[in-house]
Amino acid sequence: METITIHKAKTQLSRLIEKACRGEEVVIARGSKPVVRIVAIEDVRGDRKPGALKGKLKVGPEFFDPLPDDELERWE
């Protein structure tokens, strides 16, 4: 874990971000007191499987009916 001052962090931000993306932890200190930690954000995407909802959602034939005039006016 690397500790760096705010002043140095401002001038080396790109390098610090790269280190965090590689899994290293970087601590930024105000003087000698640590105040923040830079860490990479983990991928928040879940495991998606095509067809996972097949058969669970139903769309009836009324879905394709024209909208009533009052609702069409609200869309315009």
PDB file of N, CA and C in Angstrom:
ATOM      1  N   MET A   1       0.857  -1.176   0.000  1.00  0.00           N
ATOM      2  CA  MET A   1       0.000   0.000   0.000  1.00  0.00           C
ATOM      3  C   MET A   1       0.903   1.239   0.000  1.00  0.00           C
ATOM      4  N   GLU A   2       0.644   2.098  -0.959  1.00  0.00           N
ATOM      5  CA  GLU A   2       1.430   3.324  -1.082  1.00  0.00           C
ATOM      6  C   GLU A   2       0.669   4.486  -0.457  1.00  0.00           C
ATOM      7  N   THR A   3       1.348   5.312   0.309  1.00  0.00           N
ATOM      8  CA  THR A   3       0.762   6.526   0.859  1.00  0.00           C
ATOM      9  C   THR A   3       1.444   7.709   0.197  1.00  0.00           C
ATOM     10  N   ILE A   4       0.632   8.640  -0.283  1.00  0.00           N
ATOM     11  CA  ILE A   4       1.148   9.780  -1.035  1.00  0.00           C
ATOM     12  C   ILE A   4       0.431  11.046  -0.577  1.00  0.00           C
ATOM     13  N   THR A   5       1.091  12.181  -0.638  1.00  0.00           N
ATOM     14  CA  THR A   5       0.456  13.437  -0.209  1.00  0.00           C
ATOM     15  C   THR A   5      -0.504  13.935  -1.278  1.00  0.00           C
ATOM     16  N   ILE A   6      -1.395  14.815  -0.873  1.00  0.00           N
ATOM     17  CA  ILE A   6      -2.370  15.376  -1.805  1.00  0.00           C
ATOM     18  C   ILE A   6      -1.663  16.087  -2.950  1.00  0.00           C
ATOM     19  N   HIS A   7      -0.638  16.847  -2.650  1.00  0.00           N
ATOM     20  CA  HIS A   7       0.082  17.581  -3.691  1.00  0.00           C
ATOM     21  C   HIS A   7       0.652  16.632  -4.750  1.00  0.00           C
ATOM     22  N   LYS A   8       1.304  15.553  -4.298  1.00  0.00           N
ATOM     23  CA  LYS A   8       1.853  14.584  -5.248  1.00  0.00           C
ATOM     24  C   LYS A   8       0.747  13.858  -5.994  1.00  0.00           C
ATOM     25  N   ALA A   9      -0.369  13.590  -5.315  1.00  0.00           N
ATOM     26  CA  ALA A   9      -1.484  12.892  -5.952  1.00  0.00           C
ATOM     27  C   ALA A   9      -2.054  13.715  -7.103  1.00  0.00           C
ATOM     28  N   LYS A  10      -2.097  15.039  -6.934  1.00  0.00           N
ATOM     29  CA  LYS A  10      -2.603  15.894  -8.014  1.00  0.00           C
ATOM     30  C   LYS A  10      -1.737  15.784  -9.257  1.00  0.00           C
ATOM     31  N   THR A  11      -0.454  15.679  -9.082  1.00  0.00           N
ATOM     32  CA  THR A  11       0.448  15.635 -10.230  1.00  0.00           C
ATOM     33  C   THR A  11       0.605  14.231 -10.797  1.00  0.00           C
ATOM     34  N   GLN A  12       0.215  13.206 -10.042  1.00  0.00           N
ATOM     35  CA  GLN A  12       0.413  11.826 -10.484  1.00  0.00           C
ATOM     36  C   GLN A  12      -0.890  11.031 -10.534  1.00  0.00           C
ATOM     37  N   LEU A  13      -1.996  11.717 -10.722  1.00  0.00           N
ATOM     38  CA  LEU A  13      -3.294  11.046 -10.638  1.00  0.00           C
ATOM     39  C   LEU A  13      -3.422   9.890 -11.625  1.00  0.00           C
ATOM     40  N   SER A  14      -3.015  10.078 -12.871  1.00  0.00           N
ATOM     41  CA  SER A  14      -3.138   9.001 -13.865  1.00  0.00           C
ATOM     42  C   SER A  14      -2.362   7.760 -13.424  1.00  0.00           C
ATOM     43  N   ARG A  15      -1.162   7.941 -12.916  1.00  0.00           N
ATOM     44  CA  ARG A  15      -0.343   6.818 -12.463  1.00  0.00           C
ATOM     45  C   ARG A  15      -1.008   6.121 -11.278  1.00  0.00           C
ATOM     46  N   LEU A  16      -1.597   6.905 -10.383  1.00  0.00           N
ATOM     47  CA  LEU A  16      -2.255   6.314  -9.215  1.00  0.00           C
ATOM     48  C   LEU A  16      -3.497   5.521  -9.616  1.00  0.00           C
ATOM     49  N   ILE A  17      -4.219   6.019 -10.590  1.00  0.00           N
ATOM     50  CA  ILE A  17      -5.407   5.299 -11.075  1.00  0.00           C
ATOM     51  C   ILE A  17      -4.981   3.972 -11.698  1.00  0.00           C
ATOM     52  N   GLU A  18      -3.920   3.990 -12.473  1.00  0.00           N
ATOM     53  CA  GLU A  18      -3.421   2.749 -13.074  1.00  0.00           C
ATOM     54  C   GLU A  18      -3.029   1.735 -12.003  1.00  0.00           C
ATOM     55  N   LYS A  19      -2.374   2.206 -10.953  1.00  0.00           N
ATOM     56  CA  LYS A  19      -2.002   1.307  -9.863  1.00  0.00           C
ATOM     57  C   LYS A  19      -3.244   0.694  -9.218  1.00  0.00           C
ATOM     58  N   ALA A  20      -4.270   1.514  -8.999  1.00  0.00           N
ATOM     59  CA  ALA A  20      -5.503   1.009  -8.397  1.00  0.00           C
ATOM     60  C   ALA A  20      -6.169  -0.012  -9.312  1.00  0.00           C
ATOM     61  N   CYS A  21      -6.149   0.231 -10.610  1.00  0.00           N
ATOM     62  CA  CYS A  21      -6.751  -0.704 -11.564  1.00  0.00           C
ATOM     63  C   CYS A  21      -6.015  -2.042 -11.583  1.00  0.00           C
ATOM     64  N   ARG A  22      -4.750  -2.045 -11.239  1.00  0.00           N
ATOM     65  CA  ARG A  22      -3.976  -3.283 -11.157  1.00  0.00           C
ATOM     66  C   ARG A  22      -4.194  -3.997  -9.827  1.00  0.00           C
ATOM     67  N   GLY A  23      -5.013  -3.417  -8.971  1.00  0.00           N
ATOM     68  CA  GLY A  23      -5.324  -4.061  -7.694  1.00  0.00           C
ATOM     69  C   GLY A  23      -4.552  -3.521  -6.507  1.00  0.00           C
ATOM     70  N   GLU A  24      -3.691  -2.543  -6.741  1.00  0.00           N
ATOM     71  CA  GLU A  24      -2.938  -1.965  -5.631  1.00  0.00           C
ATOM     72  C   GLU A  24      -3.796  -0.928  -4.920  1.00  0.00           C
ATOM     73  N   GLU A  25      -3.540  -0.755  -3.643  1.00  0.00           N
ATOM     74  CA  GLU A  25      -4.270   0.233  -2.859  1.00  0.00           C
ATOM     75  C   GLU A  25      -3.375   1.453  -2.670  1.00  0.00           C
ATOM     76  N   VAL A  26      -3.947   2.629  -2.912  1.00  0.00           N
ATOM     77  CA  VAL A  26      -3.201   3.876  -2.774  1.00  0.00           C
ATOM     78  C   VAL A  26      -3.927   4.740  -1.746  1.00  0.00           C
ATOM     79  N   VAL A  27      -3.182   5.246  -0.784  1.00  0.00           N
ATOM     80  CA  VAL A  27      -3.749   6.102   0.257  1.00  0.00           C
ATOM     81  C   VAL A  27      -3.223   7.511   0.044  1.00  0.00           C
ATOM     82  N   ILE A  28      -4.138   8.482   0.083  1.00  0.00           N
ATOM     83  CA  ILE A  28      -3.752   9.886  -0.037  1.00  0.00           C
ATOM     84  C   ILE A  28      -3.858  10.514   1.348  1.00  0.00           C
ATOM     85  N   ALA A  29      -2.784  11.230   1.712  1.00  0.00           N
ATOM     86  CA  ALA A  29      -2.707  11.801   3.060  1.00  0.00           C
ATOM     87  C   ALA A  29      -2.644  13.320   2.990  1.00  0.00           C
ATOM     88  N   ARG A  30      -3.243  13.931   3.974  1.00  0.00           N
ATOM     89  CA  ARG A  30      -3.122  15.383   4.173  1.00  0.00           C
ATOM     90  C   ARG A  30      -2.041  15.539   5.239  1.00  0.00           C
ATOM     91  N   GLY A  31      -0.871  15.932   4.782  1.00  0.00           N
ATOM     92  CA  GLY A  31       0.269  15.940   5.690  1.00  0.00           C
ATOM     93  C   GLY A  31       0.665  14.507   5.979  1.00  0.00           C
ATOM     94  N   SER A  32       0.626  14.122   7.232  1.00  0.00           N
ATOM     95  CA  SER A  32       0.943  12.739   7.580  1.00  0.00           C
ATOM     96  C   SER A  32      -0.302  11.936   7.937  1.00  0.00           C
ATOM     97  N   LYS A  33      -1.481  12.587   7.845  1.00  0.00           N
ATOM     98  CA  LYS A  33      -2.722  11.913   8.222  1.00  0.00           C
ATOM     99  C   LYS A  33      -3.434  11.363   6.978  1.00  0.00           C
ATOM    100  N   PRO A  34      -3.617  10.039   6.868  1.00  0.00           N
ATOM    101  CA  PRO A  34      -4.341   9.461   5.729  1.00  0.00           C
ATOM    102  C   PRO A  34      -5.788   9.931   5.726  1.00  0.00           C
ATOM    103  N   VAL A  35      -6.273  10.344   4.534  1.00  0.00           N
ATOM    104  CA  VAL A  35      -7.650  10.837   4.455  1.00  0.00           C
ATOM    105  C   VAL A  35      -8.517  10.077   3.456  1.00  0.00           C
ATOM    106  N   VAL A  36      -7.929   9.568   2.373  1.00  0.00           N
ATOM    107  CA  VAL A  36      -8.728   8.805   1.403  1.00  0.00           C
ATOM    108  C   VAL A  36      -7.916   7.631   0.871  1.00  0.00           C
ATOM    109  N   ARG A  37      -8.650   6.679   0.308  1.00  0.00           N
ATOM    110  CA  ARG A  37      -8.029   5.504  -0.285  1.00  0.00           C
ATOM    111  C   ARG A  37      -8.554   5.376  -1.712  1.00  0.00           C
ATOM    112  N   ILE A  38      -7.664   5.143  -2.661  1.00  0.00           N
ATOM    113  CA  ILE A  38      -8.059   4.925  -4.056  1.00  0.00           C
ATOM    114  C   ILE A  38      -8.035   3.427  -4.308  1.00  0.00           C
ATOM    115  N   VAL A  39      -9.172   2.893  -4.715  1.00  0.00           N
ATOM    116  CA  VAL A  39      -9.278   1.481  -5.080  1.00  0.00           C
ATOM    117  C   VAL A  39     -10.107   1.391  -6.358  1.00  0.00           C
ATOM    118  N   ALA A  40      -9.887   0.369  -7.127  1.00  0.00           N
ATOM    119  CA  ALA A  40     -10.633   0.177  -8.370  1.00  0.00           C
ATOM    120  C   ALA A  40     -12.067  -0.239  -8.056  1.00  0.00           C
ATOM    121  N   ILE A  41     -12.974   0.163  -8.906  1.00  0.00           N
ATOM    122  CA  ILE A  41     -14.376  -0.248  -8.780  1.00  0.00           C
ATOM    123  C   ILE A  41     -14.520  -1.603  -9.445  1.00  0.00           C
ATOM    124  N   GLU A  42     -15.112  -2.533  -8.742  1.00  0.00           N
ATOM    125  CA  GLU A  42     -15.323  -3.857  -9.309  1.00  0.00           C
ATOM    126  C   GLU A  42     -16.417  -3.796 -10.359  1.00  0.00           C
ATOM    127  N   ASP A  43     -16.334  -4.682 -11.313  1.00  0.00           N
ATOM    128  CA  ASP A  43     -17.339  -4.752 -12.370  1.00  0.00           C
ATOM    129  C   ASP A  43     -18.689  -5.095 -11.735  1.00  0.00           C
ATOM    130  N   VAL A  44     -19.683  -4.255 -11.959  1.00  0.00           N
ATOM    131  CA  VAL A  44     -20.977  -4.447 -11.317  1.00  0.00           C
ATOM    132  C   VAL A  44     -21.957  -5.227 -12.186  1.00  0.00           C
ATOM    133  N   ARG A  45     -21.506  -5.644 -13.333  1.00  0.00           N
ATOM    134  CA  ARG A  45     -22.396  -6.406 -14.205  1.00  0.00           C
ATOM    135  C   ARG A  45     -22.627  -7.801 -13.629  1.00  0.00           C
ATOM    136  N   GLY A  46     -23.851  -8.206 -13.663  1.00  0.00           N
ATOM    137  CA  GLY A  46     -24.180  -9.541 -13.184  1.00  0.00           C
ATOM    138  C   GLY A  46     -24.077 -10.555 -14.307  1.00  0.00           C
ATOM    139  N   ASP A  47     -24.284 -11.784 -13.982  1.00  0.00           N
ATOM    140  CA  ASP A  47     -24.289 -12.833 -14.996  1.00  0.00           C
ATOM    141  C   ASP A  47     -25.643 -12.828 -15.680  1.00  0.00           C
ATOM    142  N   ARG A  48     -25.641 -12.428 -16.938  1.00  0.00           N
ATOM    143  CA  ARG A  48     -26.884 -12.400 -17.709  1.00  0.00           C
ATOM    144  C   ARG A  48     -26.902 -13.584 -18.651  1.00  0.00           C
ATOM    145  N   LYS A  49     -28.046 -14.216 -18.728  1.00  0.00           N
ATOM    146  CA  LYS A  49     -28.188 -15.369 -19.599  1.00  0.00           C
ATOM    147  C   LYS A  49     -29.337 -15.091 -20.564  1.00  0.00           C
ATOM    148  N   PRO A  50     -29.072 -15.136 -21.861  1.00  0.00           N
ATOM    149  CA  PRO A  50     -30.154 -14.939 -22.824  1.00  0.00           C
ATOM    150  C   PRO A  50     -31.266 -15.961 -22.604  1.00  0.00           C
ATOM    151  N   GLY A  51     -32.482 -15.469 -22.627  1.00  0.00           N
ATOM    152  CA  GLY A  51     -33.634 -16.357 -22.471  1.00  0.00           C
ATOM    153  C   GLY A  51     -33.994 -16.676 -21.041  1.00  0.00           C
ATOM    154  N   ALA A  52     -33.375 -16.013 -20.075  1.00  0.00           N
ATOM    155  CA  ALA A  52     -33.631 -16.324 -18.670  1.00  0.00           C
ATOM    156  C   ALA A  52     -35.084 -16.039 -18.278  1.00  0.00           C
ATOM    157  N   LEU A  53     -35.733 -15.100 -18.955  1.00  0.00           N
ATOM    158  CA  LEU A  53     -37.128 -14.762 -18.632  1.00  0.00           C
ATOM    159  C   LEU A  53     -38.133 -15.408 -19.596  1.00  0.00           C
ATOM    160  N   LYS A  54     -37.650 -16.285 -20.455  1.00  0.00           N
ATOM    161  CA  LYS A  54     -38.541 -16.915 -21.425  1.00  0.00           C
ATOM    162  C   LYS A  54     -39.675 -17.653 -20.710  1.00  0.00           C
ATOM    163  N   GLY A  55     -40.890 -17.349 -21.121  1.00  0.00           N
ATOM    164  CA  GLY A  55     -42.057 -17.980 -20.529  1.00  0.00           C
ATOM    165  C   GLY A  55     -42.548 -17.305 -19.260  1.00  0.00           C
ATOM    166  N   LYS A  56     -41.814 -16.321 -18.753  1.00  0.00           N
ATOM    167  CA  LYS A  56     -42.210 -15.645 -17.519  1.00  0.00           C
ATOM    168  C   LYS A  56     -42.925 -14.330 -17.790  1.00  0.00           C
ATOM    169  N   LEU A  57     -42.775 -13.774 -18.982  1.00  0.00           N
ATOM    170  CA  LEU A  57     -43.435 -12.527 -19.341  1.00  0.00           C
ATOM    171  C   LEU A  57     -44.458 -12.797 -20.429  1.00  0.00           C
ATOM    172  N   LYS A  58     -45.621 -12.224 -20.273  1.00  0.00           N
ATOM    173  CA  LYS A  58     -46.690 -12.415 -21.249  1.00  0.00           C
ATOM    174  C   LYS A  58     -47.099 -11.067 -21.822  1.00  0.00           C
ATOM    175  N   VAL A  59     -47.207 -11.001 -23.139  1.00  0.00           N
ATOM    176  CA  VAL A  59     -47.707  -9.814 -23.828  1.00  0.00           C
ATOM    177  C   VAL A  59     -48.956 -10.247 -24.574  1.00  0.00           C
ATOM    178  N   GLY A  60     -50.085  -9.697 -24.152  1.00  0.00           N
ATOM    179  CA  GLY A  60     -51.343 -10.053 -24.779  1.00  0.00           C
ATOM    180  C   GLY A  60     -51.550  -9.309 -26.091  1.00  0.00           C
ATOM    181  N   PRO A  61     -52.523  -9.718 -26.860  1.00  0.00           N
ATOM    182  CA  PRO A  61     -52.776  -9.075 -28.152  1.00  0.00           C
ATOM    183  C   PRO A  61     -53.191  -7.605 -28.010  1.00  0.00           C
ATOM    184  N   GLU A  62     -53.736  -7.219 -26.862  1.00  0.00           N
ATOM    185  CA  GLU A  62     -54.139  -5.820 -26.647  1.00  0.00           C
ATOM    186  C   GLU A  62     -52.945  -4.876 -26.617  1.00  0.00           C
ATOM    187  N   PHE A  63     -51.750  -5.417 -26.421  1.00  0.00           N
ATOM    188  CA  PHE A  63     -50.544  -4.595 -26.420  1.00  0.00           C
ATOM    189  C   PHE A  63     -50.373  -3.874 -27.758  1.00  0.00           C
ATOM    190  N   PHE A  64     -50.807  -4.520 -28.839  1.00  0.00           N
ATOM    191  CA  PHE A  64     -50.620  -3.968 -30.176  1.00  0.00           C
ATOM    192  C   PHE A  64     -51.790  -3.112 -30.641  1.00  0.00           C
ATOM    193  N   ASP A  65     -52.820  -2.975 -29.806  1.00  0.00           N
ATOM    194  CA  ASP A  65     -53.952  -2.111 -30.155  1.00  0.00           C
ATOM    195  C   ASP A  65     -53.512  -0.654 -30.147  1.00  0.00           C
ATOM    196  N   PRO A  66     -54.122   0.184 -30.989  1.00  0.00           N
ATOM    197  CA  PRO A  66     -53.781   1.616 -30.978  1.00  0.00           C
ATOM    198  C   PRO A  66     -54.102   2.230 -29.620  1.00  0.00           C
ATOM    199  N   LEU A  67     -53.318   3.221 -29.233  1.00  0.00           N
ATOM    200  CA  LEU A  67     -53.564   3.915 -27.973  1.00  0.00           C
ATOM    201  C   LEU A  67     -54.784   4.818 -28.086  1.00  0.00           C
ATOM    202  N   PRO A  68     -55.485   5.031 -26.980  1.00  0.00           N
ATOM    203  CA  PRO A  68     -56.611   5.968 -26.998  1.00  0.00           C
ATOM    204  C   PRO A  68     -56.107   7.386 -27.311  1.00  0.00           C
ATOM    205  N   ASP A  69     -56.987   8.199 -27.879  1.00  0.00           N
ATOM    206  CA  ASP A  69     -56.606   9.559 -28.287  1.00  0.00           C
ATOM    207  C   ASP A  69     -56.044  10.383 -27.125  1.00  0.00           C
ATOM    208  N   ASP A  70     -56.660  10.293 -25.930  1.00  0.00           N
ATOM    209  CA  ASP A  70     -56.171  11.101 -24.809  1.00  0.00           C
ATOM    210  C   ASP A  70     -54.742  10.712 -24.405  1.00  0.00           C
ATOM    211  N   GLU A  71     -54.408   9.435 -24.509  1.00  0.00           N
ATOM    212  CA  GLU A  71     -53.051   9.028 -24.184  1.00  0.00           C
ATOM    213  C   GLU A  71     -52.072   9.434 -25.281  1.00  0.00           C
ATOM    214  N   LEU A  72     -52.499   9.358 -26.511  1.00  0.00           N
ATOM    215  CA  LEU A  72     -51.640   9.807 -27.623  1.00  0.00           C
ATOM    216  C   LEU A  72     -51.306  11.297 -27.467  1.00  0.00           C
ATOM    217  N   GLU A  73     -52.262  12.083 -27.014  1.00  0.00           N
ATOM    218  CA  GLU A  73     -52.018  13.523 -26.815  1.00  0.00           C
ATOM    219  C   GLU A  73     -50.957  13.772 -25.741  1.00  0.00           C
ATOM    220  N   ARG A  74     -50.947  12.941 -24.707  1.00  0.00           N
ATOM    221  CA  ARG A  74     -49.950  13.102 -23.653  1.00  0.00           C
ATOM    222  C   ARG A  74     -48.546  12.790 -24.148  1.00  0.00           C
ATOM    223  N   TRP A  75     -48.396  11.969 -25.169  1.00  0.00           N
ATOM    224  CA  TRP A  75     -47.096  11.636 -25.721  1.00  0.00           C
ATOM    225  C   TRP A  75     -46.566  12.726 -26.652  1.00  0.00           C
ATOM    226  N   GLU A  76     -47.436  13.568 -27.129  1.00  0.00           N
ATOM    227  CA  GLU A  76     -47.003  14.597 -28.080  1.00  0.00           C
ATOM    228  C   GLU A  76     -46.557  15.859 -27.373  1.00  0.00           C
TER     229      GLU A  76
END
